[in-house]
Amino acid sequence: MNILVSHCFLGEPCRYDGASRLDRQIIELHRAGHNLIPVCPELLGGLDIPRSPAEIQPDGRVLTQDGQDVTNAYRVGAERAAEIARENGCTVAVLKARSPSCGCREIYDGSFTHTLTSGWGVAARLLADMGLEVMDEEHLQTWLYL
């Protein structure tokens, strides 16, 4: 199976703070025979490393902590990630929890206070809308046993 994954899970230092989030359970998917297709929607949208933290606002815009509107970059990155998923026949995406790009079902509320709310990251929403099964690394273990 071709699985779209957040590139930071594979050790790529592409997060806003220049870090990665190497995740052994994602690596195990590859060892189990799945083809991992790495994407970072934020980089695909043209954002730099490092970059100011961003959160989705209640009105749907994506703003950085210093007030810059990066909504368009997030949309462009989401569209490019969707294109990569289509090109590779991905039916599943495992994305970084709570990210404004990749969060699924729960994201930060836009106040930059680490307050969580129900919602979807820009790329995660687009991928789910096109029919991919989208989950974060925190729910992957449940999926593996289905």
N, C-alpha and C. Protein backbone atom coordinates (compact mmCIF):
# COMPACT_ATOMS: atom_id res chain seq x y z
N MET A 1 0.85 -1.18 0.00
CA MET A 1 0.00 0.00 0.00
C MET A 1 0.90 1.24 0.00
N ASN A 2 0.53 2.24 -0.77
CA ASN A 2 1.21 3.53 -0.77
C ASN A 2 0.55 4.43 0.27
N ILE A 3 1.35 4.88 1.23
CA ILE A 3 0.84 5.69 2.33
C ILE A 3 1.54 7.04 2.32
N LEU A 4 0.77 8.10 2.24
CA LEU A 4 1.30 9.45 2.35
C LEU A 4 1.63 9.71 3.82
N VAL A 5 2.84 10.19 4.10
CA VAL A 5 3.22 10.45 5.50
C VAL A 5 3.87 11.82 5.62
N SER A 6 3.70 12.42 6.77
CA SER A 6 4.40 13.67 7.07
C SER A 6 5.90 13.40 7.06
N HIS A 7 6.63 14.19 6.29
CA HIS A 7 8.06 13.97 6.11
C HIS A 7 8.83 14.03 7.42
N CYS A 8 8.37 14.82 8.38
CA CYS A 8 9.07 14.93 9.66
C CYS A 8 9.13 13.59 10.40
N PHE A 9 8.18 12.68 10.12
CA PHE A 9 8.18 11.36 10.77
C PHE A 9 9.38 10.51 10.34
N LEU A 10 9.95 10.84 9.19
CA LEU A 10 11.07 10.06 8.66
C LEU A 10 12.41 10.68 9.01
N GLY A 11 12.39 11.63 9.94
CA GLY A 11 13.63 12.25 10.40
C GLY A 11 14.02 13.51 9.65
N GLU A 12 13.19 13.96 8.73
CA GLU A 12 13.48 15.18 7.98
C GLU A 12 13.22 16.40 8.88
N PRO A 13 14.20 17.26 9.07
CA PRO A 13 14.02 18.43 9.94
C PRO A 13 13.25 19.55 9.22
N CYS A 14 11.96 19.34 9.04
CA CYS A 14 11.15 20.27 8.25
C CYS A 14 10.06 20.97 9.05
N ARG A 15 9.99 20.71 10.34
CA ARG A 15 8.99 21.40 11.16
C ARG A 15 9.29 22.89 11.25
N TYR A 16 8.33 23.63 11.73
CA TYR A 16 8.48 25.09 11.83
C TYR A 16 9.74 25.48 12.61
N ASP A 17 10.11 24.66 13.60
CA ASP A 17 11.26 24.98 14.45
C ASP A 17 12.56 24.34 13.96
N GLY A 18 12.52 23.74 12.78
CA GLY A 18 13.70 23.10 12.21
C GLY A 18 13.96 21.71 12.74
N ALA A 19 13.03 21.17 13.50
CA ALA A 19 13.19 19.83 14.07
C ALA A 19 12.46 18.80 13.22
N SER A 20 12.70 17.55 13.55
CA SER A 20 11.94 16.46 12.95
C SER A 20 11.14 15.79 14.07
N ARG A 21 10.33 14.84 13.72
CA ARG A 21 9.58 14.05 14.70
C ARG A 21 9.67 12.58 14.30
N LEU A 22 10.92 12.08 14.23
CA LEU A 22 11.14 10.69 13.84
C LEU A 22 10.20 9.79 14.63
N ASP A 23 9.48 8.93 13.91
CA ASP A 23 8.48 8.09 14.55
C ASP A 23 8.72 6.64 14.13
N ARG A 24 9.11 5.84 15.07
CA ARG A 24 9.46 4.44 14.79
C ARG A 24 8.28 3.64 14.24
N GLN A 25 7.06 3.94 14.66
CA GLN A 25 5.93 3.17 14.14
C GLN A 25 5.70 3.47 12.66
N ILE A 26 6.06 4.67 12.21
CA ILE A 26 5.97 4.99 10.79
C ILE A 26 7.04 4.21 10.03
N ILE A 27 8.24 4.15 10.57
CA ILE A 27 9.32 3.37 9.96
C ILE A 27 8.90 1.90 9.85
N GLU A 28 8.20 1.42 10.86
CA GLU A 28 7.73 0.02 10.84
C GLU A 28 6.75 -0.24 9.69
N LEU A 29 5.99 0.77 9.31
CA LEU A 29 5.10 0.60 8.15
C LEU A 29 5.90 0.25 6.90
N HIS A 30 7.04 0.89 6.75
CA HIS A 30 7.91 0.60 5.60
C HIS A 30 8.47 -0.82 5.71
N ARG A 31 8.90 -1.18 6.89
CA ARG A 31 9.45 -2.53 7.10
C ARG A 31 8.39 -3.60 6.87
N ALA A 32 7.12 -3.23 7.07
CA ALA A 32 6.03 -4.19 6.85
C ALA A 32 5.64 -4.28 5.37
N GLY A 33 6.34 -3.54 4.52
CA GLY A 33 6.11 -3.65 3.10
C GLY A 33 5.32 -2.52 2.46
N HIS A 34 4.95 -1.52 3.24
CA HIS A 34 4.22 -0.38 2.68
C HIS A 34 5.20 0.62 2.07
N ASN A 35 4.77 1.28 1.03
CA ASN A 35 5.56 2.31 0.37
C ASN A 35 5.18 3.65 0.98
N LEU A 36 6.13 4.31 1.63
CA LEU A 36 5.87 5.58 2.29
C LEU A 36 6.19 6.73 1.33
N ILE A 37 5.23 7.62 1.14
CA ILE A 37 5.37 8.77 0.27
C ILE A 37 5.44 10.01 1.17
N PRO A 38 6.65 10.56 1.38
CA PRO A 38 6.78 11.69 2.31
C PRO A 38 6.37 13.02 1.68
N VAL A 39 5.67 13.83 2.47
CA VAL A 39 5.31 15.19 2.06
C VAL A 39 5.40 16.11 3.27
N CYS A 40 5.73 17.36 3.00
CA CYS A 40 5.60 18.42 3.99
C CYS A 40 4.82 19.52 3.29
N PRO A 41 3.52 19.60 3.51
CA PRO A 41 2.71 20.61 2.82
C PRO A 41 3.22 22.04 3.03
N GLU A 42 3.77 22.31 4.19
CA GLU A 42 4.25 23.67 4.45
C GLU A 42 5.44 24.01 3.55
N LEU A 43 6.36 23.07 3.38
CA LEU A 43 7.47 23.30 2.46
C LEU A 43 6.99 23.33 1.02
N LEU A 44 6.05 22.45 0.69
CA LEU A 44 5.50 22.43 -0.67
C LEU A 44 4.81 23.74 -1.01
N GLY A 45 4.34 24.43 0.02
CA GLY A 45 3.69 25.73 -0.17
C GLY A 45 4.67 26.89 -0.21
N GLY A 46 5.95 26.59 -0.05
CA GLY A 46 6.96 27.63 -0.17
C GLY A 46 7.44 28.25 1.13
N LEU A 47 7.03 27.69 2.26
CA LEU A 47 7.48 28.24 3.55
C LEU A 47 8.89 27.77 3.87
N ASP A 48 9.60 28.54 4.66
CA ASP A 48 10.99 28.28 5.01
C ASP A 48 11.12 27.45 6.29
N ILE A 49 12.35 27.01 6.53
CA ILE A 49 12.73 26.37 7.78
C ILE A 49 13.87 27.20 8.35
N PRO A 50 13.83 27.61 9.58
CA PRO A 50 12.66 27.62 10.45
C PRO A 50 11.68 28.70 10.01
N ARG A 51 10.51 28.65 10.62
CA ARG A 51 9.47 29.64 10.33
C ARG A 51 8.69 29.88 11.62
N SER A 52 8.02 30.99 11.66
CA SER A 52 7.22 31.33 12.82
C SER A 52 6.08 30.32 12.96
N PRO A 53 5.75 29.88 14.18
CA PRO A 53 4.60 28.98 14.36
C PRO A 53 3.34 29.61 13.78
N ALA A 54 2.48 28.76 13.25
CA ALA A 54 1.22 29.23 12.66
C ALA A 54 0.07 28.41 13.21
N GLU A 55 -1.10 29.05 13.25
CA GLU A 55 -2.32 28.36 13.67
C GLU A 55 -3.48 28.85 12.81
N ILE A 56 -4.46 27.97 12.65
CA ILE A 56 -5.67 28.31 11.90
C ILE A 56 -6.56 29.15 12.82
N GLN A 57 -6.99 30.27 12.30
CA GLN A 57 -7.85 31.18 13.05
C GLN A 57 -9.31 30.75 12.92
N PRO A 58 -10.17 31.24 13.80
CA PRO A 58 -11.60 30.88 13.72
C PRO A 58 -12.23 31.24 12.37
N ASP A 59 -11.68 32.24 11.66
CA ASP A 59 -12.24 32.62 10.36
C ASP A 59 -11.65 31.79 9.21
N GLY A 60 -10.76 30.83 9.52
CA GLY A 60 -10.19 29.96 8.51
C GLY A 60 -8.83 30.39 7.98
N ARG A 61 -8.43 31.61 8.25
CA ARG A 61 -7.11 32.05 7.80
C ARG A 61 -6.03 31.38 8.65
N VAL A 62 -4.86 31.22 8.06
CA VAL A 62 -3.71 30.70 8.80
C VAL A 62 -2.77 31.87 9.03
N LEU A 63 -2.54 32.18 10.30
CA LEU A 63 -1.66 33.29 10.67
C LEU A 63 -0.48 32.76 11.47
N THR A 64 0.67 33.41 11.28
CA THR A 64 1.82 33.08 12.11
C THR A 64 1.66 33.81 13.45
N GLN A 65 2.46 33.40 14.40
CA GLN A 65 2.40 34.01 15.72
C GLN A 65 2.71 35.50 15.67
N ASP A 66 3.49 35.92 14.67
CA ASP A 66 3.80 37.35 14.54
C ASP A 66 2.83 38.08 13.61
N GLY A 67 1.72 37.41 13.23
CA GLY A 67 0.65 38.08 12.51
C GLY A 67 0.68 38.00 10.99
N GLN A 68 1.63 37.30 10.42
CA GLN A 68 1.70 37.17 8.95
C GLN A 68 0.64 36.18 8.46
N ASP A 69 -0.10 36.57 7.43
CA ASP A 69 -1.11 35.70 6.82
C ASP A 69 -0.42 34.77 5.84
N VAL A 70 -0.39 33.47 6.15
CA VAL A 70 0.26 32.46 5.30
C VAL A 70 -0.77 31.48 4.73
N THR A 71 -2.02 31.91 4.70
CA THR A 71 -3.10 31.05 4.23
C THR A 71 -2.82 30.51 2.84
N ASN A 72 -2.39 31.37 1.93
CA ASN A 72 -2.17 30.93 0.56
C ASN A 72 -1.07 29.86 0.48
N ALA A 73 -0.01 30.02 1.24
CA ALA A 73 1.06 29.02 1.24
C ALA A 73 0.53 27.67 1.74
N TYR A 74 -0.33 27.70 2.73
CA TYR A 74 -0.91 26.46 3.24
C TYR A 74 -1.82 25.81 2.21
N ARG A 75 -2.58 26.61 1.49
CA ARG A 75 -3.46 26.06 0.44
C ARG A 75 -2.65 25.47 -0.71
N VAL A 76 -1.62 26.19 -1.15
CA VAL A 76 -0.77 25.70 -2.24
C VAL A 76 -0.11 24.38 -1.82
N GLY A 77 0.41 24.33 -0.62
CA GLY A 77 1.04 23.11 -0.11
C GLY A 77 0.06 21.95 -0.01
N ALA A 78 -1.16 22.24 0.43
CA ALA A 78 -2.18 21.19 0.51
C ALA A 78 -2.51 20.65 -0.88
N GLU A 79 -2.64 21.54 -1.83
CA GLU A 79 -2.95 21.11 -3.20
C GLU A 79 -1.82 20.27 -3.79
N ARG A 80 -0.59 20.66 -3.52
CA ARG A 80 0.55 19.88 -4.01
C ARG A 80 0.61 18.52 -3.32
N ALA A 81 0.34 18.45 -2.02
CA ALA A 81 0.31 17.17 -1.31
C ALA A 81 -0.79 16.28 -1.88
N ALA A 82 -1.94 16.86 -2.20
CA ALA A 82 -3.04 16.09 -2.80
C ALA A 82 -2.63 15.55 -4.17
N GLU A 83 -1.93 16.36 -4.93
CA GLU A 83 -1.45 15.93 -6.25
C GLU A 83 -0.48 14.76 -6.11
N ILE A 84 0.42 14.83 -5.15
CA ILE A 84 1.38 13.75 -4.90
C ILE A 84 0.64 12.48 -4.48
N ALA A 85 -0.37 12.63 -3.63
CA ALA A 85 -1.17 11.47 -3.21
C ALA A 85 -1.84 10.82 -4.42
N ARG A 86 -2.43 11.63 -5.28
CA ARG A 86 -3.08 11.10 -6.50
C ARG A 86 -2.08 10.40 -7.41
N GLU A 87 -0.96 11.06 -7.66
CA GLU A 87 0.07 10.51 -8.54
C GLU A 87 0.58 9.16 -8.05
N ASN A 88 0.57 8.95 -6.76
CA ASN A 88 1.11 7.72 -6.18
C ASN A 88 0.05 6.72 -5.74
N GLY A 89 -1.21 7.02 -6.00
CA GLY A 89 -2.29 6.10 -5.66
C GLY A 89 -2.45 5.87 -4.17
N CYS A 90 -2.18 6.88 -3.38
CA CYS A 90 -2.31 6.75 -1.92
C CYS A 90 -3.78 6.72 -1.53
N THR A 91 -4.10 5.85 -0.61
CA THR A 91 -5.46 5.77 -0.07
C THR A 91 -5.49 6.10 1.42
N VAL A 92 -4.31 6.19 2.01
CA VAL A 92 -4.16 6.47 3.44
C VAL A 92 -3.11 7.55 3.62
N ALA A 93 -3.32 8.43 4.59
CA ALA A 93 -2.33 9.43 4.96
C ALA A 93 -2.16 9.40 6.48
N VAL A 94 -0.91 9.37 6.92
CA VAL A 94 -0.59 9.46 8.35
C VAL A 94 0.17 10.78 8.53
N LEU A 95 -0.48 11.71 9.21
CA LEU A 95 0.02 13.08 9.29
C LEU A 95 0.24 13.52 10.73
N LYS A 96 1.02 14.58 10.89
CA LYS A 96 1.41 15.07 12.22
C LYS A 96 0.23 15.67 12.98
N ALA A 97 0.00 15.14 14.15
CA ALA A 97 -1.11 15.59 15.00
C ALA A 97 -1.02 17.08 15.29
N ARG A 98 -2.17 17.73 15.29
CA ARG A 98 -2.38 19.11 15.71
C ARG A 98 -1.73 20.18 14.83
N SER A 99 -1.08 19.79 13.76
CA SER A 99 -0.43 20.74 12.85
C SER A 99 -1.48 21.53 12.06
N PRO A 100 -1.20 22.81 11.76
CA PRO A 100 -2.15 23.58 10.94
C PRO A 100 -2.24 23.07 9.50
N SER A 101 -1.27 22.27 9.08
CA SER A 101 -1.35 21.60 7.78
C SER A 101 -1.92 20.21 7.93
N CYS A 102 -1.39 19.47 8.86
CA CYS A 102 -1.59 18.03 8.90
C CYS A 102 -2.53 17.53 10.00
N GLY A 103 -2.90 18.36 10.93
CA GLY A 103 -3.73 17.90 12.04
C GLY A 103 -5.06 17.36 11.56
N CYS A 104 -5.47 16.27 12.15
CA CYS A 104 -6.78 15.72 11.79
C CYS A 104 -7.62 15.54 13.04
N ARG A 105 -8.78 16.13 12.96
CA ARG A 105 -9.80 16.09 14.01
C ARG A 105 -9.53 17.03 15.19
N GLU A 106 -8.27 17.43 15.39
CA GLU A 106 -7.94 18.31 16.51
C GLU A 106 -6.73 19.17 16.14
N ILE A 107 -6.87 20.48 16.31
CA ILE A 107 -5.80 21.43 16.01
C ILE A 107 -5.77 22.49 17.11
N TYR A 108 -4.75 23.34 17.09
CA TYR A 108 -4.72 24.45 18.02
C TYR A 108 -5.71 25.52 17.57
N ASP A 109 -6.26 26.25 18.52
CA ASP A 109 -7.42 27.12 18.27
C ASP A 109 -7.12 28.49 17.67
N GLY A 110 -5.87 28.80 17.39
CA GLY A 110 -5.54 30.09 16.80
C GLY A 110 -5.11 31.15 17.79
N SER A 111 -5.13 30.82 19.06
CA SER A 111 -4.77 31.81 20.10
C SER A 111 -3.31 31.74 20.52
N PHE A 112 -2.58 30.74 20.03
CA PHE A 112 -1.19 30.51 20.38
C PHE A 112 -1.00 30.31 21.88
N THR A 113 -1.99 29.67 22.50
CA THR A 113 -1.94 29.35 23.93
C THR A 113 -1.91 27.84 24.17
N HIS A 114 -1.67 27.07 23.13
CA HIS A 114 -1.67 25.60 23.19
C HIS A 114 -3.04 25.03 23.52
N THR A 115 -4.10 25.80 23.21
CA THR A 115 -5.46 25.35 23.45
C THR A 115 -5.95 24.58 22.22
N LEU A 116 -6.43 23.37 22.47
CA LEU A 116 -6.90 22.52 21.37
C LEU A 116 -8.38 22.72 21.11
N THR A 117 -8.76 22.49 19.85
CA THR A 117 -10.15 22.56 19.45
C THR A 117 -10.39 21.52 18.36
N SER A 118 -11.61 21.17 18.12
CA SER A 118 -11.93 20.28 17.00
C SER A 118 -11.62 21.00 15.70
N GLY A 119 -11.05 20.30 14.77
CA GLY A 119 -10.76 20.91 13.48
C GLY A 119 -9.75 20.10 12.70
N TRP A 120 -9.50 20.55 11.50
CA TRP A 120 -8.61 19.88 10.57
C TRP A 120 -7.58 20.86 10.03
N GLY A 121 -6.34 20.38 9.85
CA GLY A 121 -5.33 21.15 9.16
C GLY A 121 -5.72 21.28 7.68
N VAL A 122 -5.14 22.24 7.01
CA VAL A 122 -5.50 22.55 5.63
C VAL A 122 -5.28 21.35 4.71
N ALA A 123 -4.11 20.73 4.76
CA ALA A 123 -3.83 19.58 3.90
C ALA A 123 -4.65 18.36 4.32
N ALA A 124 -4.76 18.12 5.61
CA ALA A 124 -5.52 16.97 6.09
C ALA A 124 -6.97 17.03 5.61
N ARG A 125 -7.58 18.20 5.67
CA ARG A 125 -8.97 18.37 5.23
C ARG A 125 -9.09 18.07 3.74
N LEU A 126 -8.18 18.61 2.92
CA LEU A 126 -8.23 18.38 1.49
C LEU A 126 -8.06 16.90 1.16
N LEU A 127 -7.12 16.25 1.81
CA LEU A 127 -6.90 14.82 1.57
C LEU A 127 -8.11 13.98 1.98
N ALA A 128 -8.70 14.30 3.12
CA ALA A 128 -9.90 13.58 3.56
C ALA A 128 -11.05 13.82 2.59
N ASP A 129 -11.19 15.06 2.12
CA ASP A 129 -12.27 15.37 1.17
C ASP A 129 -12.11 14.63 -0.15
N MET A 130 -10.87 14.29 -0.52
CA MET A 130 -10.67 13.56 -1.76
C MET A 130 -10.72 12.05 -1.56
N GLY A 131 -11.04 11.62 -0.32
CA GLY A 131 -11.31 10.22 -0.08
C GLY A 131 -10.23 9.42 0.62
N LEU A 132 -9.11 10.05 0.97
CA LEU A 132 -8.09 9.32 1.70
C LEU A 132 -8.54 9.11 3.14
N GLU A 133 -8.11 8.00 3.70
CA GLU A 133 -8.28 7.77 5.14
C GLU A 133 -7.14 8.53 5.82
N VAL A 134 -7.47 9.55 6.58
CA VAL A 134 -6.46 10.42 7.19
C VAL A 134 -6.45 10.19 8.69
N MET A 135 -5.25 9.98 9.22
CA MET A 135 -5.09 9.80 10.67
C MET A 135 -3.78 10.44 11.09
N ASP A 136 -3.64 10.66 12.38
CA ASP A 136 -2.38 11.15 12.90
C ASP A 136 -1.62 10.00 13.54
N GLU A 137 -0.39 10.26 13.92
CA GLU A 137 0.46 9.22 14.48
C GLU A 137 -0.11 8.69 15.80
N GLU A 138 -0.90 9.48 16.49
CA GLU A 138 -1.45 9.05 17.77
C GLU A 138 -2.57 8.04 17.61
N HIS A 139 -3.13 7.93 16.42
CA HIS A 139 -4.21 6.98 16.17
C HIS A 139 -3.80 5.86 15.21
N LEU A 140 -2.54 5.85 14.81
CA LEU A 140 -2.06 4.84 13.89
C LEU A 140 -2.15 3.44 14.48
N GLN A 141 -1.82 3.30 15.74
CA GLN A 141 -1.82 1.99 16.37
C GLN A 141 -3.20 1.33 16.28
N THR A 142 -4.25 2.10 16.47
CA THR A 142 -5.61 1.57 16.35
C THR A 142 -5.86 1.08 14.94
N TRP A 143 -5.44 1.85 13.94
CA TRP A 143 -5.64 1.50 12.53
C TRP A 143 -4.89 0.21 12.18
N LEU A 144 -3.69 0.03 12.72
CA LEU A 144 -2.89 -1.14 12.38
C LEU A 144 -3.57 -2.44 12.76
N TYR A 145 -4.46 -2.38 13.73
CA TYR A 145 -5.09 -3.61 14.21
C TYR A 145 -6.49 -3.83 13.63
N LEU A 146 -6.93 -2.97 12.71
CA LEU A 146 -8.23 -3.16 12.08
C LEU A 146 -8.20 -4.27 11.07
